[in-house]
Amino acid sequence: MKFADPRNDIAFRKIFGDENKKEILISFLNNLLNFAGTTKEIIDLTIADPYQVPKLKDLKQTILDIRAVDKRNIHYIIEMQVIHTAAFEKKVMYYVSKAYYQQLDKADDYPKLNQVIFLGFLDFVLFKESPNYTTRHLILEENTNGHYFKDFELNFVELPKFNKGLGELPDVKDKWIYFVKNASDMTIIPKEMQEPKEIREAFEAANRLTWSKEELDAYDDKGIYIQEERGRIEYAKEEGKKEKALEIAKTMLSKGISIDIIVEATGITREEIEH
């Protein structure tokens, strides 16, 4: 078998956005949000933005991958984000707010507004101060930590922080995270991932040998786009570092510091400094 990388948008949507295999998404949400075995457990849901290859072929953004609504009318936004783009945090709040207010047909129907829960899988570290690979963010009162405004909830999984092996997966939640991060490196479904059946079915959905040519082309196109975006961002970072070093060099020159010292301090060549 050759499994697709769930971190690729096309694969992520194919695995979790299939209306005919909703049990995969239900298990995914119940375990990642710690709903399994509680009164909050999702029994059924509707995928508001289901998987469609023609629609996804020219996809250029990695936000709002799947929107699901359960029987309690709670809205879920599930996203796979591989690149830390500018103002990413603000984009998350925008899409959550948009999903919230779009529930209304008219402005005075406020009692009809239902909770919006965001679940983001990130292929980068967002919260550098936290060692935890999963975090939950709520609106709390500053002094008492009272949770009075309950309609917004943000959950994140930071994949670079998750370093568990197959023998270190104590629950289904960790199995799902392991699947998202490592499926593309496997050629068989490991015995540790045979249960629950929804994870096994997710592997089957990720098996590229069963995909159509159109799906494979869309998947490859998205992979190329991701690599190009990563390269563009890295280039911009390097250019930014160089611009900063040049500014430092100019300041040092204005203070009469020798070129040899500036070269050593900034890493800029003598020719660039003399220019």
C-alpha atoms as a PDB file:
ATOM      1  CA  MET A   1       0.000   0.000   0.000  1.00  0.00           C
ATOM      2  CA  LYS A   2       1.021   3.609  -0.530  1.00  0.00           C
ATOM      3  CA  PHE A   3      -0.722   5.980   1.838  1.00  0.00           C
ATOM      4  CA  ALA A   4      -1.262   9.651   1.089  1.00  0.00           C
ATOM      5  CA  ASP A   5      -0.070  12.282   3.533  1.00  0.00           C
ATOM      6  CA  PRO A   6      -3.087  13.524   5.553  1.00  0.00           C
ATOM      7  CA  ARG A   7      -1.256  16.852   5.952  1.00  0.00           C
ATOM      8  CA  ASN A   8      -1.975  17.471   2.268  1.00  0.00           C
ATOM      9  CA  ASP A   9      -5.358  19.213   1.903  1.00  0.00           C
ATOM     10  CA  ILE A  10      -6.622  16.864  -0.782  1.00  0.00           C
ATOM     11  CA  ALA A  11      -5.882  13.790   1.321  1.00  0.00           C
ATOM     12  CA  PHE A  12      -7.203  15.414   4.494  1.00  0.00           C
ATOM     13  CA  ARG A  13     -10.532  16.192   2.860  1.00  0.00           C
ATOM     14  CA  LYS A  14     -10.801  12.812   1.152  1.00  0.00           C
ATOM     15  CA  ILE A  15     -10.238  10.986   4.444  1.00  0.00           C
ATOM     16  CA  PHE A  16     -12.349  13.140   6.765  1.00  0.00           C
ATOM     17  CA  GLY A  17     -14.761  14.907   4.397  1.00  0.00           C
ATOM     18  CA  ASP A  18     -16.562  11.937   2.811  1.00  0.00           C
ATOM     19  CA  GLU A  19     -20.321  12.119   3.503  1.00  0.00           C
ATOM     20  CA  ASN A  20     -20.535   8.359   2.893  1.00  0.00           C
ATOM     21  CA  LYS A  21     -17.975   7.609   5.623  1.00  0.00           C
ATOM     22  CA  LYS A  22     -18.996  10.074   8.321  1.00  0.00           C
ATOM     23  CA  GLU A  23     -18.091   7.621  11.075  1.00  0.00           C
ATOM     24  CA  ILE A  24     -14.392   8.418  10.411  1.00  0.00           C
ATOM     25  CA  LEU A  25     -14.922  12.130  11.083  1.00  0.00           C
ATOM     26  CA  ILE A  26     -17.196  11.414  14.057  1.00  0.00           C
ATOM     27  CA  SER A  27     -14.538   9.235  15.727  1.00  0.00           C
ATOM     28  CA  PHE A  28     -11.865  11.809  14.874  1.00  0.00           C
ATOM     29  CA  LEU A  29     -13.815  14.661  16.504  1.00  0.00           C
ATOM     30  CA  ASN A  30     -15.057  12.693  19.515  1.00  0.00           C
ATOM     31  CA  ASN A  31     -11.549  11.605  20.450  1.00  0.00           C
ATOM     32  CA  LEU A  32      -9.629  14.789  19.619  1.00  0.00           C
ATOM     33  CA  LEU A  33     -12.149  16.929  21.535  1.00  0.00           C
ATOM     34  CA  ASN A  34     -12.427  14.418  24.420  1.00  0.00           C
ATOM     35  CA  PHE A  35     -16.150  13.874  23.772  1.00  0.00           C
ATOM     36  CA  ALA A  36     -15.964  10.066  23.564  1.00  0.00           C
ATOM     37  CA  GLY A  37     -17.914   8.396  26.387  1.00  0.00           C
ATOM     38  CA  THR A  38     -19.405  11.704  27.616  1.00  0.00           C
ATOM     39  CA  THR A  39     -22.776  13.411  27.219  1.00  0.00           C
ATOM     40  CA  LYS A  40     -21.152  15.558  24.505  1.00  0.00           C
ATOM     41  CA  GLU A  41     -20.374  12.552  22.286  1.00  0.00           C
ATOM     42  CA  ILE A  42     -21.270  13.213  18.639  1.00  0.00           C
ATOM     43  CA  ILE A  43     -23.705  10.619  17.287  1.00  0.00           C
ATOM     44  CA  ASP A  44     -24.288  12.062  13.839  1.00  0.00           C
ATOM     45  CA  LEU A  45     -23.317  15.127  11.816  1.00  0.00           C
ATOM     46  CA  THR A  46     -23.658  16.778   8.435  1.00  0.00           C
ATOM     47  CA  ILE A  47     -20.556  17.773   6.491  1.00  0.00           C
ATOM     48  CA  ALA A  48     -21.309  21.261   5.197  1.00  0.00           C
ATOM     49  CA  ASP A  49     -18.308  21.347   2.855  1.00  0.00           C
ATOM     50  CA  PRO A  50     -17.848  17.757   1.645  1.00  0.00           C
ATOM     51  CA  TYR A  51     -15.025  16.342  -0.442  1.00  0.00           C
ATOM     52  CA  GLN A  52     -15.275  17.171  -4.160  1.00  0.00           C
ATOM     53  CA  VAL A  53     -12.265  16.666  -6.432  1.00  0.00           C
ATOM     54  CA  PRO A  54     -13.202  19.194  -9.173  1.00  0.00           C
ATOM     55  CA  LYS A  55     -13.845  21.834  -6.536  1.00  0.00           C
ATOM     56  CA  LEU A  56     -10.544  21.142  -4.765  1.00  0.00           C
ATOM     57  CA  LYS A  57      -8.222  20.891  -7.752  1.00  0.00           C
ATOM     58  CA  ASP A  58      -7.383  24.609  -7.787  1.00  0.00           C
ATOM     59  CA  LEU A  59      -7.406  24.955  -3.991  1.00  0.00           C
ATOM     60  CA  LYS A  60      -4.902  27.587  -2.876  1.00  0.00           C
ATOM     61  CA  GLN A  61      -5.739  28.006   0.803  1.00  0.00           C
ATOM     62  CA  THR A  62      -5.441  25.669   3.771  1.00  0.00           C
ATOM     63  CA  ILE A  63      -8.175  27.041   6.010  1.00  0.00           C
ATOM     64  CA  LEU A  64     -11.762  25.864   6.517  1.00  0.00           C
ATOM     65  CA  ASP A  65     -11.096  22.405   5.153  1.00  0.00           C
ATOM     66  CA  ILE A  66     -14.222  20.819   6.604  1.00  0.00           C
ATOM     67  CA  ARG A  67     -17.241  22.345   8.279  1.00  0.00           C
ATOM     68  CA  ALA A  68     -19.477  19.932  10.163  1.00  0.00           C
ATOM     69  CA  VAL A  69     -22.699  20.464  12.103  1.00  0.00           C
ATOM     70  CA  ASP A  70     -23.973  17.883  14.593  1.00  0.00           C
ATOM     71  CA  LYS A  71     -27.521  17.223  15.786  1.00  0.00           C
ATOM     72  CA  ARG A  72     -27.146  19.806  18.568  1.00  0.00           C
ATOM     73  CA  ASN A  73     -26.330  22.362  15.850  1.00  0.00           C
ATOM     74  CA  ILE A  74     -22.791  22.799  17.141  1.00  0.00           C
ATOM     75  CA  HIS A  75     -20.578  23.910  14.265  1.00  0.00           C
ATOM     76  CA  TYR A  76     -17.136  22.361  13.898  1.00  0.00           C
ATOM     77  CA  ILE A  77     -14.355  23.803  11.775  1.00  0.00           C
ATOM     78  CA  ILE A  78     -11.568  21.307  11.142  1.00  0.00           C
ATOM     79  CA  GLU A  79      -8.405  22.518   9.470  1.00  0.00           C
ATOM     80  CA  MET A  80      -5.062  21.134   8.362  1.00  0.00           C
ATOM     81  CA  GLN A  81      -2.563  23.999   8.204  1.00  0.00           C
ATOM     82  CA  VAL A  82       0.966  23.150   7.053  1.00  0.00           C
ATOM     83  CA  ILE A  83       2.444  26.653   6.796  1.00  0.00           C
ATOM     84  CA  HIS A  84       2.454  29.405   9.422  1.00  0.00           C
ATOM     85  CA  THR A  85       1.165  32.197   7.207  1.00  0.00           C
ATOM     86  CA  ALA A  86       1.010  35.862   8.163  1.00  0.00           C
ATOM     87  CA  ALA A  87      -1.771  36.711  10.639  1.00  0.00           C
ATOM     88  CA  PHE A  88      -2.761  33.031  10.879  1.00  0.00           C
ATOM     89  CA  GLU A  89      -4.231  33.524  14.364  1.00  0.00           C
ATOM     90  CA  LYS A  90      -6.452  36.370  13.121  1.00  0.00           C
ATOM     91  CA  LYS A  91      -7.624  34.250  10.186  1.00  0.00           C
ATOM     92  CA  VAL A  92      -8.723  31.546  12.616  1.00  0.00           C
ATOM     93  CA  MET A  93     -10.756  34.055  14.619  1.00  0.00           C
ATOM     94  CA  TYR A  94     -12.254  35.478  11.426  1.00  0.00           C
ATOM     95  CA  TYR A  95     -13.462  32.104  10.155  1.00  0.00           C
ATOM     96  CA  VAL A  96     -14.813  31.092  13.560  1.00  0.00           C
ATOM     97  CA  SER A  97     -16.657  34.417  13.878  1.00  0.00           C
ATOM     98  CA  LYS A  98     -17.965  34.094  10.335  1.00  0.00           C
ATOM     99  CA  ALA A  99     -19.293  30.589  10.991  1.00  0.00           C
ATOM    100  CA  TYR A 100     -20.957  31.974  14.131  1.00  0.00           C
ATOM    101  CA  TYR A 101     -22.818  34.940  12.660  1.00  0.00           C
ATOM    102  CA  GLN A 102     -23.783  33.129   9.449  1.00  0.00           C
ATOM    103  CA  GLN A 103     -26.127  30.953  11.503  1.00  0.00           C
ATOM    104  CA  LEU A 104     -28.563  33.877  11.634  1.00  0.00           C
ATOM    105  CA  ASP A 105     -31.200  34.644   9.023  1.00  0.00           C
ATOM    106  CA  LYS A 106     -31.866  38.037  10.568  1.00  0.00           C
ATOM    107  CA  ALA A 107     -30.058  40.213  13.086  1.00  0.00           C
ATOM    108  CA  ASP A 108     -32.420  39.707  16.040  1.00  0.00           C
ATOM    109  CA  ASP A 109     -32.298  35.898  16.049  1.00  0.00           C
ATOM    110  CA  TYR A 110     -29.505  35.838  18.653  1.00  0.00           C
ATOM    111  CA  PRO A 111     -31.001  32.965  20.713  1.00  0.00           C
ATOM    112  CA  LYS A 112     -30.542  30.722  17.649  1.00  0.00           C
ATOM    113  CA  LEU A 113     -26.763  31.136  17.697  1.00  0.00           C
ATOM    114  CA  ASN A 114     -24.969  27.900  18.571  1.00  0.00           C
ATOM    115  CA  GLN A 115     -21.448  27.052  19.660  1.00  0.00           C
ATOM    116  CA  VAL A 116     -18.576  27.003  17.151  1.00  0.00           C
ATOM    117  CA  ILE A 117     -15.649  24.684  17.914  1.00  0.00           C
ATOM    118  CA  PHE A 118     -12.400  24.977  15.970  1.00  0.00           C
ATOM    119  CA  LEU A 119      -9.937  22.089  15.650  1.00  0.00           C
ATOM    120  CA  GLY A 120      -6.659  22.910  13.944  1.00  0.00           C
ATOM    121  CA  PHE A 121      -3.924  20.435  13.053  1.00  0.00           C
ATOM    122  CA  LEU A 122      -0.722  22.455  12.613  1.00  0.00           C
ATOM    123  CA  ASP A 123       2.477  21.251  10.961  1.00  0.00           C
ATOM    124  CA  PHE A 124       4.397  23.960  12.823  1.00  0.00           C
ATOM    125  CA  VAL A 125       4.771  25.174  16.402  1.00  0.00           C
ATOM    126  CA  LEU A 126       2.370  27.999  17.258  1.00  0.00           C
ATOM    127  CA  PHE A 127       2.645  28.150  21.051  1.00  0.00           C
ATOM    128  CA  LYS A 128       6.363  28.094  21.730  1.00  0.00           C
ATOM    129  CA  GLU A 129       5.894  28.650  25.470  1.00  0.00           C
ATOM    130  CA  SER A 130       3.808  25.480  25.879  1.00  0.00           C
ATOM    131  CA  PRO A 131       5.321  21.954  25.776  1.00  0.00           C
ATOM    132  CA  ASN A 132       1.904  20.364  25.178  1.00  0.00           C
ATOM    133  CA  TYR A 133       1.070  19.101  21.692  1.00  0.00           C
ATOM    134  CA  THR A 134      -2.669  19.666  22.260  1.00  0.00           C
ATOM    135  CA  THR A 135      -4.169  22.861  23.677  1.00  0.00           C
ATOM    136  CA  ARG A 136      -7.706  24.108  24.314  1.00  0.00           C
ATOM    137  CA  HIS A 137      -8.517  27.822  24.359  1.00  0.00           C
ATOM    138  CA  LEU A 138     -11.593  29.323  26.002  1.00  0.00           C
ATOM    139  CA  ILE A 139     -12.878  32.804  26.872  1.00  0.00           C
ATOM    140  CA  LEU A 140     -12.395  33.081  30.650  1.00  0.00           C
ATOM    141  CA  GLU A 141     -12.985  35.855  33.203  1.00  0.00           C
ATOM    142  CA  GLU A 142      -9.622  37.280  34.231  1.00  0.00           C
ATOM    143  CA  ASN A 143      -9.911  37.014  38.023  1.00  0.00           C
ATOM    144  CA  THR A 144     -12.110  33.961  38.599  1.00  0.00           C
ATOM    145  CA  ASN A 145     -11.458  31.987  35.379  1.00  0.00           C
ATOM    146  CA  GLY A 146     -15.227  31.778  35.074  1.00  0.00           C
ATOM    147  CA  HIS A 147     -16.346  30.367  31.736  1.00  0.00           C
ATOM    148  CA  TYR A 148     -19.380  32.511  30.918  1.00  0.00           C
ATOM    149  CA  PHE A 149     -18.978  33.003  27.168  1.00  0.00           C
ATOM    150  CA  LYS A 150     -19.050  29.422  25.922  1.00  0.00           C
ATOM    151  CA  ASP A 151     -19.857  29.793  22.235  1.00  0.00           C
ATOM    152  CA  PHE A 152     -16.240  29.922  21.002  1.00  0.00           C
ATOM    153  CA  GLU A 153     -13.727  27.150  21.611  1.00  0.00           C
ATOM    154  CA  LEU A 154     -10.366  26.754  19.866  1.00  0.00           C
ATOM    155  CA  ASN A 155      -8.400  23.494  19.880  1.00  0.00           C
ATOM    156  CA  PHE A 156      -4.966  22.970  18.342  1.00  0.00           C
ATOM    157  CA  VAL A 157      -2.701  19.985  17.697  1.00  0.00           C
ATOM    158  CA  GLU A 158       0.924  20.977  17.012  1.00  0.00           C
ATOM    159  CA  LEU A 159       2.368  18.016  15.130  1.00  0.00           C
ATOM    160  CA  PRO A 160       6.089  18.869  15.575  1.00  0.00           C
ATOM    161  CA  LYS A 161       5.624  18.473  19.343  1.00  0.00           C
ATOM    162  CA  PHE A 162       4.145  14.976  18.958  1.00  0.00           C
ATOM    163  CA  ASN A 163       7.019  12.475  19.008  1.00  0.00           C
ATOM    164  CA  LYS A 164       5.390   9.264  20.244  1.00  0.00           C
ATOM    165  CA  GLY A 165       6.100   5.915  18.625  1.00  0.00           C
ATOM    166  CA  LEU A 166       3.654   3.131  17.787  1.00  0.00           C
ATOM    167  CA  GLY A 167       4.189   1.520  21.192  1.00  0.00           C
ATOM    168  CA  GLU A 168       3.411   4.760  23.028  1.00  0.00           C
ATOM    169  CA  LEU A 169      -0.215   5.382  22.016  1.00  0.00           C
ATOM    170  CA  PRO A 170      -2.341   4.920  25.142  1.00  0.00           C
ATOM    171  CA  ASP A 171      -5.643   6.105  23.660  1.00  0.00           C
ATOM    172  CA  VAL A 172      -7.521   6.673  20.415  1.00  0.00           C
ATOM    173  CA  LYS A 173      -6.758  10.391  20.513  1.00  0.00           C
ATOM    174  CA  ASP A 174      -3.019   9.749  20.210  1.00  0.00           C
ATOM    175  CA  LYS A 175      -3.652   7.141  17.511  1.00  0.00           C
ATOM    176  CA  TRP A 176      -5.441   9.744  15.395  1.00  0.00           C
ATOM    177  CA  ILE A 177      -2.604  12.228  15.846  1.00  0.00           C
ATOM    178  CA  TYR A 178      -0.065   9.534  14.969  1.00  0.00           C
ATOM    179  CA  PHE A 179      -2.078   8.696  11.850  1.00  0.00           C
ATOM    180  CA  VAL A 180      -2.134  12.311  10.626  1.00  0.00           C
ATOM    181  CA  LYS A 181       1.596  12.779  11.190  1.00  0.00           C
ATOM    182  CA  ASN A 182       2.950   9.395  10.041  1.00  0.00           C
ATOM    183  CA  ALA A 183       0.528   7.681   7.632  1.00  0.00           C
ATOM    184  CA  SER A 184       2.518   8.650   4.542  1.00  0.00           C
ATOM    185  CA  ASP A 185       5.610   6.859   5.913  1.00  0.00           C
ATOM    186  CA  MET A 186       3.849   3.484   6.199  1.00  0.00           C
ATOM    187  CA  THR A 187       3.197   0.715   3.681  1.00  0.00           C
ATOM    188  CA  ILE A 188       0.907  -1.419   5.854  1.00  0.00           C
ATOM    189  CA  ILE A 189      -1.632  -0.735   8.582  1.00  0.00           C
ATOM    190  CA  PRO A 190       0.264  -1.511  11.832  1.00  0.00           C
ATOM    191  CA  LYS A 191      -1.356  -3.883  14.308  1.00  0.00           C
ATOM    192  CA  GLU A 192      -1.417  -1.058  16.853  1.00  0.00           C
ATOM    193  CA  MET A 193      -3.658   0.941  14.483  1.00  0.00           C
ATOM    194  CA  GLN A 194      -6.154  -1.797  13.568  1.00  0.00           C
ATOM    195  CA  GLU A 195      -8.620  -0.593  16.188  1.00  0.00           C
ATOM    196  CA  PRO A 196     -10.903   1.245  16.339  1.00  0.00           C
ATOM    197  CA  LYS A 197     -12.221   0.367  12.898  1.00  0.00           C
ATOM    198  CA  GLU A 198     -12.555   4.057  11.964  1.00  0.00           C
ATOM    199  CA  ILE A 199      -8.760   4.439  11.953  1.00  0.00           C
ATOM    200  CA  ARG A 200      -8.414   1.343   9.796  1.00  0.00           C
ATOM    201  CA  GLU A 201     -11.010   2.842   7.434  1.00  0.00           C
ATOM    202  CA  ALA A 202      -9.060   6.108   7.396  1.00  0.00           C
ATOM    203  CA  PHE A 203      -5.979   4.189   6.232  1.00  0.00           C
ATOM    204  CA  GLU A 204      -8.059   2.560   3.511  1.00  0.00           C
ATOM    205  CA  ALA A 205      -9.297   5.993   2.378  1.00  0.00           C
ATOM    206  CA  ALA A 206      -5.679   7.200   2.300  1.00  0.00           C
ATOM    207  CA  ASN A 207      -4.529   4.297   0.108  1.00  0.00           C
ATOM    208  CA  ARG A 208      -3.419   6.064  -3.073  1.00  0.00           C
ATOM    209  CA  LEU A 209      -3.643   2.822  -5.073  1.00  0.00           C
ATOM    210  CA  THR A 210      -7.440   3.167  -4.932  1.00  0.00           C
ATOM    211  CA  TRP A 211      -7.550   6.827  -5.999  1.00  0.00           C
ATOM    212  CA  SER A 212      -8.591   8.107  -9.409  1.00  0.00           C
ATOM    213  CA  LYS A 213      -6.131   9.869 -11.719  1.00  0.00           C
ATOM    214  CA  GLU A 214      -7.953  13.127 -11.072  1.00  0.00           C
ATOM    215  CA  GLU A 215      -7.505  12.704  -7.313  1.00  0.00           C
ATOM    216  CA  LEU A 216      -3.825  11.832  -7.656  1.00  0.00           C
ATOM    217  CA  ASP A 217      -3.223  14.854  -9.906  1.00  0.00           C
ATOM    218  CA  ALA A 218      -4.962  17.180  -7.440  1.00  0.00           C
ATOM    219  CA  TYR A 219      -2.963  15.668  -4.564  1.00  0.00           C
ATOM    220  CA  ASP A 220       0.356  16.098  -6.407  1.00  0.00           C
ATOM    221  CA  ASP A 221      -0.521  19.661  -7.446  1.00  0.00           C
ATOM    222  CA  LYS A 222      -1.266  20.548  -3.851  1.00  0.00           C
ATOM    223  CA  GLY A 223       2.010  18.999  -2.698  1.00  0.00           C
ATOM    224  CA  ILE A 224       3.943  21.097  -5.214  1.00  0.00           C
ATOM    225  CA  TYR A 225       2.080  24.235  -4.111  1.00  0.00           C
ATOM    226  CA  ILE A 226       2.923  23.564  -0.452  1.00  0.00           C
ATOM    227  CA  GLN A 227       6.617  23.114  -1.237  1.00  0.00           C
ATOM    228  CA  GLU A 228       6.666  26.301  -3.309  1.00  0.00           C
ATOM    229  CA  GLU A 229       4.987  28.251  -0.504  1.00  0.00           C
ATOM    230  CA  ARG A 230       7.464  26.903   2.037  1.00  0.00           C
ATOM    231  CA  GLY A 231      10.346  27.884  -0.235  1.00  0.00           C
ATOM    232  CA  ARG A 232       8.913  31.369  -0.747  1.00  0.00           C
ATOM    233  CA  ILE A 233       8.505  31.905   2.993  1.00  0.00           C
ATOM    234  CA  GLU A 234      12.026  30.658   3.757  1.00  0.00           C
ATOM    235  CA  TYR A 235      13.429  32.921   1.058  1.00  0.00           C
ATOM    236  CA  ALA A 236      11.550  35.896   2.523  1.00  0.00           C
ATOM    237  CA  LYS A 237      12.912  35.065   5.975  1.00  0.00           C
ATOM    238  CA  GLU A 238      16.478  34.903   4.683  1.00  0.00           C
ATOM    239  CA  GLU A 239      16.045  38.176   2.815  1.00  0.00           C
ATOM    240  CA  GLY A 240      14.684  39.746   5.995  1.00  0.00           C
ATOM    241  CA  LYS A 241      17.696  38.534   7.966  1.00  0.00           C
ATOM    242  CA  LYS A 242      20.058  39.960   5.359  1.00  0.00           C
ATOM    243  CA  GLU A 243      18.280  43.338   5.346  1.00  0.00           C
ATOM    244  CA  LYS A 244      18.584  43.481   9.130  1.00  0.00           C
ATOM    245  CA  ALA A 245      22.295  42.580   8.951  1.00  0.00           C
ATOM    246  CA  LEU A 246      22.843  45.348   6.374  1.00  0.00           C
ATOM    247  CA  GLU A 247      21.174  47.886   8.652  1.00  0.00           C
ATOM    248  CA  ILE A 248      23.429  46.787  11.520  1.00  0.00           C
ATOM    249  CA  ALA A 249      26.470  47.077   9.228  1.00  0.00           C
ATOM    250  CA  LYS A 250      25.476  50.622   8.230  1.00  0.00           C
ATOM    251  CA  THR A 251      25.153  51.620  11.889  1.00  0.00           C
ATOM    252  CA  MET A 252      28.530  50.079  12.728  1.00  0.00           C
ATOM    253  CA  LEU A 253      30.162  51.865   9.780  1.00  0.00           C
ATOM    254  CA  SER A 254      28.688  55.184  10.894  1.00  0.00           C
ATOM    255  CA  LYS A 255      30.338  54.668  14.282  1.00  0.00           C
ATOM    256  CA  GLY A 256      33.751  54.120  12.677  1.00  0.00           C
ATOM    257  CA  ILE A 257      33.988  50.393  13.418  1.00  0.00           C
ATOM    258  CA  SER A 258      36.436  48.584  11.145  1.00  0.00           C
ATOM    259  CA  ILE A 259      35.171  46.532   8.206  1.00  0.00           C
ATOM    260  CA  ASP A 260      36.911  43.392   9.494  1.00  0.00           C
ATOM    261  CA  ILE A 261      34.934  43.551  12.740  1.00  0.00           C
ATOM    262  CA  ILE A 262      31.673  44.218  10.847  1.00  0.00           C
ATOM    263  CA  VAL A 263      32.306  41.189   8.602  1.00  0.00           C
ATOM    264  CA  GLU A 264      32.831  38.995  11.656  1.00  0.00           C
ATOM    265  CA  ALA A 265      29.806  40.396  13.481  1.00  0.00           C
ATOM    266  CA  THR A 266      27.246  40.317  10.639  1.00  0.00           C
ATOM    267  CA  GLY A 267      28.449  37.614   8.239  1.00  0.00           C
ATOM    268  CA  ILE A 268      28.184  40.072   5.336  1.00  0.00           C
ATOM    269  CA  THR A 269      31.035  40.039   2.812  1.00  0.00           C
ATOM    270  CA  ARG A 270      33.615  42.833   2.663  1.00  0.00           C
ATOM    271  CA  GLU A 271      32.442  43.677  -0.888  1.00  0.00           C
ATOM    272  CA  GLU A 272      28.839  44.159   0.276  1.00  0.00           C
ATOM    273  CA  ILE A 273      29.934  46.375   3.158  1.00  0.00           C
ATOM    274  CA  GLU A 274      32.195  48.505   0.942  1.00  0.00           C
ATOM    275  CA  HIS A 275      29.337  48.875  -1.543  1.00  0.00           C
END
